Amino acid sequence: LYYAPVSDLRPWARMTNMRDLYIRATNVSDVTPLASMPKLETLDLTGTAVSDLTPLAGMMRMKTLYLTHTPVSDLSPLSDMKDVTIFLDESQQAIIPNELRKRVKRIRVTVTKTQ
């Protein structure tokens, strides 16, 4: 769905077996419908208006999460995820909660520089 005119993810909520979802540079701001996708492993939110990651809290299969160029300011909902790589802007590095920092062997955070 790269650059697609999508703002509502509710139509995709029934796709409970989906493993990868790329909604980069869309008008999506609410990821609540994704909570019904427990098999999701890769999620690209780059360039979206998503700020609340709470609906992703129970996604234990998540392996890769792209959050660059988003207004996300709280990563604590991701604290229980294991073996996930999270891509952040350099400016977002300060929002990594201590819970994630303590589990660095199981959670890898990759910081990319903004232009």
C-alpha atoms as a PDB file:
ATOM      1  CA  LEU A   1       0.000   0.000   0.000  1.00  0.00           C
ATOM      2  CA  TYR A   2       2.956   2.311  -0.502  1.00  0.00           C
ATOM      3  CA  TYR A   3       1.765   5.871  -1.119  1.00  0.00           C
ATOM      4  CA  ALA A   4      -1.826   4.643  -1.566  1.00  0.00           C
ATOM      5  CA  PRO A   5      -4.716   6.963  -0.647  1.00  0.00           C
ATOM      6  CA  VAL A   6      -5.489   4.843   2.431  1.00  0.00           C
ATOM      7  CA  SER A   7      -6.414   6.253   5.825  1.00  0.00           C
ATOM      8  CA  ASP A   8      -8.573   3.508   7.358  1.00  0.00           C
ATOM      9  CA  LEU A   9      -7.216   0.026   8.102  1.00  0.00           C
ATOM     10  CA  ARG A  10     -10.555  -1.482   9.172  1.00  0.00           C
ATOM     11  CA  PRO A  11     -11.067  -3.260   5.813  1.00  0.00           C
ATOM     12  CA  TRP A  12      -7.831  -5.191   6.426  1.00  0.00           C
ATOM     13  CA  ALA A  13      -8.757  -6.246   9.974  1.00  0.00           C
ATOM     14  CA  ARG A  14     -10.328  -9.474   8.669  1.00  0.00           C
ATOM     15  CA  MET A  15      -7.023 -10.591   7.156  1.00  0.00           C
ATOM     16  CA  THR A  16      -5.942 -12.345  10.327  1.00  0.00           C
ATOM     17  CA  ASN A  17      -3.281 -14.466   8.589  1.00  0.00           C
ATOM     18  CA  MET A  18      -1.397 -11.500   7.127  1.00  0.00           C
ATOM     19  CA  ARG A  19       2.322 -11.598   7.937  1.00  0.00           C
ATOM     20  CA  ASP A  20       3.634  -8.446   6.220  1.00  0.00           C
ATOM     21  CA  LEU A  21       1.976  -5.065   5.839  1.00  0.00           C
ATOM     22  CA  TYR A  22       3.602  -2.042   4.243  1.00  0.00           C
ATOM     23  CA  ILE A  23       1.571   1.156   4.601  1.00  0.00           C
ATOM     24  CA  ARG A  24       4.437   3.582   4.081  1.00  0.00           C
ATOM     25  CA  ALA A  25       3.550   7.184   3.251  1.00  0.00           C
ATOM     26  CA  THR A  26      -0.210   6.733   3.585  1.00  0.00           C
ATOM     27  CA  ASN A  27      -2.715   8.792   5.570  1.00  0.00           C
ATOM     28  CA  VAL A  28      -3.081   6.105   8.230  1.00  0.00           C
ATOM     29  CA  SER A  29      -3.083   7.425  11.793  1.00  0.00           C
ATOM     30  CA  ASP A  30      -4.816   4.619  13.720  1.00  0.00           C
ATOM     31  CA  VAL A  31      -3.426   1.070  13.879  1.00  0.00           C
ATOM     32  CA  THR A  32      -6.168  -0.304  16.156  1.00  0.00           C
ATOM     33  CA  PRO A  33      -7.512  -2.623  13.407  1.00  0.00           C
ATOM     34  CA  LEU A  34      -4.109  -4.347  13.278  1.00  0.00           C
ATOM     35  CA  ALA A  35      -4.668  -5.777  16.757  1.00  0.00           C
ATOM     36  CA  SER A  36      -6.708  -8.503  15.037  1.00  0.00           C
ATOM     37  CA  MET A  37      -3.635  -9.621  13.047  1.00  0.00           C
ATOM     38  CA  PRO A  38      -1.663 -11.746  15.531  1.00  0.00           C
ATOM     39  CA  LYS A  39       0.551 -13.278  12.823  1.00  0.00           C
ATOM     40  CA  LEU A  40       1.921  -9.926  11.654  1.00  0.00           C
ATOM     41  CA  GLU A  41       5.737 -10.096  11.462  1.00  0.00           C
ATOM     42  CA  THR A  42       6.673  -7.022   9.435  1.00  0.00           C
ATOM     43  CA  LEU A  43       4.955  -3.648   9.660  1.00  0.00           C
ATOM     44  CA  ASP A  44       6.144  -0.551   7.832  1.00  0.00           C
ATOM     45  CA  LEU A  45       4.585   2.652   9.190  1.00  0.00           C
ATOM     46  CA  THR A  46       7.220   4.979   7.718  1.00  0.00           C
ATOM     47  CA  GLY A  47       5.855   8.396   6.855  1.00  0.00           C
ATOM     48  CA  THR A  48       2.425   7.860   8.397  1.00  0.00           C
ATOM     49  CA  ALA A  49       0.633   9.886  11.067  1.00  0.00           C
ATOM     50  CA  VAL A  50       0.603   6.953  13.514  1.00  0.00           C
ATOM     51  CA  SER A  51       1.521   8.089  17.019  1.00  0.00           C
ATOM     52  CA  ASP A  52      -0.068   5.477  19.317  1.00  0.00           C
ATOM     53  CA  LEU A  53       1.452   1.986  19.269  1.00  0.00           C
ATOM     54  CA  THR A  54      -0.746   0.569  22.036  1.00  0.00           C
ATOM     55  CA  PRO A  55      -2.713  -1.689  19.622  1.00  0.00           C
ATOM     56  CA  LEU A  56       0.559  -3.443  18.715  1.00  0.00           C
ATOM     57  CA  ALA A  57       1.346  -4.413  22.310  1.00  0.00           C
ATOM     58  CA  GLY A  58       0.328  -8.070  22.003  1.00  0.00           C
ATOM     59  CA  MET A  59       1.994  -8.785  18.685  1.00  0.00           C
ATOM     60  CA  MET A  60       4.609 -11.258  19.860  1.00  0.00           C
ATOM     61  CA  ARG A  61       5.472 -12.465  16.341  1.00  0.00           C
ATOM     62  CA  MET A  62       6.573  -9.012  15.208  1.00  0.00           C
ATOM     63  CA  LYS A  63      10.095  -9.183  13.754  1.00  0.00           C
ATOM     64  CA  THR A  64      10.496  -5.836  11.959  1.00  0.00           C
ATOM     65  CA  LEU A  65       8.810  -2.522  12.677  1.00  0.00           C
ATOM     66  CA  TYR A  66       9.553   0.648  10.709  1.00  0.00           C
ATOM     67  CA  LEU A  67       8.686   3.854  12.577  1.00  0.00           C
ATOM     68  CA  THR A  68      10.847   6.408  10.778  1.00  0.00           C
ATOM     69  CA  HIS A  69       9.235   9.732   9.922  1.00  0.00           C
ATOM     70  CA  THR A  70       6.287   9.170  12.275  1.00  0.00           C
ATOM     71  CA  PRO A  71       5.136  11.190  15.313  1.00  0.00           C
ATOM     72  CA  VAL A  72       5.595   8.163  17.615  1.00  0.00           C
ATOM     73  CA  SER A  73       6.839   9.374  20.992  1.00  0.00           C
ATOM     74  CA  ASP A  74       6.208   6.334  23.206  1.00  0.00           C
ATOM     75  CA  LEU A  75       7.689   2.888  22.586  1.00  0.00           C
ATOM     76  CA  SER A  76       6.590   1.391  25.898  1.00  0.00           C
ATOM     77  CA  PRO A  77       3.733  -0.637  24.293  1.00  0.00           C
ATOM     78  CA  LEU A  78       6.468  -2.638  22.518  1.00  0.00           C
ATOM     79  CA  SER A  79       8.344  -3.521  25.711  1.00  0.00           C
ATOM     80  CA  ASP A  80       7.272  -7.184  25.733  1.00  0.00           C
ATOM     81  CA  MET A  81       8.176  -7.906  22.126  1.00  0.00           C
ATOM     82  CA  LYS A  82      11.038 -10.346  21.619  1.00  0.00           C
ATOM     83  CA  ASP A  83      13.585 -10.367  18.800  1.00  0.00           C
ATOM     84  CA  VAL A  84      12.110  -7.345  17.043  1.00  0.00           C
ATOM     85  CA  THR A  85      14.110  -4.832  15.026  1.00  0.00           C
ATOM     86  CA  ILE A  86      12.695  -1.329  15.280  1.00  0.00           C
ATOM     87  CA  PHE A  87      13.787   1.319  12.797  1.00  0.00           C
ATOM     88  CA  LEU A  88      13.712   4.858  14.223  1.00  0.00           C
ATOM     89  CA  ASP A  89      14.826   8.326  13.206  1.00  0.00           C
ATOM     90  CA  GLU A  90      17.871   9.639  15.013  1.00  0.00           C
ATOM     91  CA  SER A  91      15.629  12.138  16.819  1.00  0.00           C
ATOM     92  CA  GLN A  92      13.487   9.271  18.198  1.00  0.00           C
ATOM     93  CA  GLN A  93      16.399   7.542  19.939  1.00  0.00           C
ATOM     94  CA  ALA A  94      15.637   9.360  23.207  1.00  0.00           C
ATOM     95  CA  ILE A  95      12.178   7.758  23.445  1.00  0.00           C
ATOM     96  CA  ILE A  96      13.509   4.223  23.909  1.00  0.00           C
ATOM     97  CA  PRO A  97      12.225   3.192  27.346  1.00  0.00           C
ATOM     98  CA  ASN A  98      14.495   1.599  29.915  1.00  0.00           C
ATOM     99  CA  GLU A  99      12.607  -1.705  29.601  1.00  0.00           C
ATOM    100  CA  LEU A 100      13.781  -1.951  25.988  1.00  0.00           C
ATOM    101  CA  ARG A 101      17.304  -0.865  26.838  1.00  0.00           C
ATOM    102  CA  LYS A 102      17.565  -3.565  29.529  1.00  0.00           C
ATOM    103  CA  ARG A 103      16.524  -6.264  27.054  1.00  0.00           C
ATOM    104  CA  VAL A 104      18.991  -5.270  24.355  1.00  0.00           C
ATOM    105  CA  LYS A 105      19.962  -8.914  23.780  1.00  0.00           C
ATOM    106  CA  ARG A 106      16.440  -9.686  22.676  1.00  0.00           C
ATOM    107  CA  ILE A 107      15.367  -6.384  21.139  1.00  0.00           C
ATOM    108  CA  ARG A 108      17.523  -4.592  18.597  1.00  0.00           C
ATOM    109  CA  VAL A 109      16.879  -0.949  17.807  1.00  0.00           C
ATOM    110  CA  THR A 110      18.403   0.458  14.655  1.00  0.00           C
ATOM    111  CA  VAL A 111      18.671   4.225  14.448  1.00  0.00           C
ATOM    112  CA  THR A 112      18.683   5.852  11.030  1.00  0.00           C
ATOM    113  CA  LYS A 113      19.714   9.436  10.471  1.00  0.00           C
ATOM    114  CA  THR A 114      17.183  11.920   9.192  1.00  0.00           C
ATOM    115  CA  GLN A 115      18.034  14.221   6.344  1.00  0.00           C
END
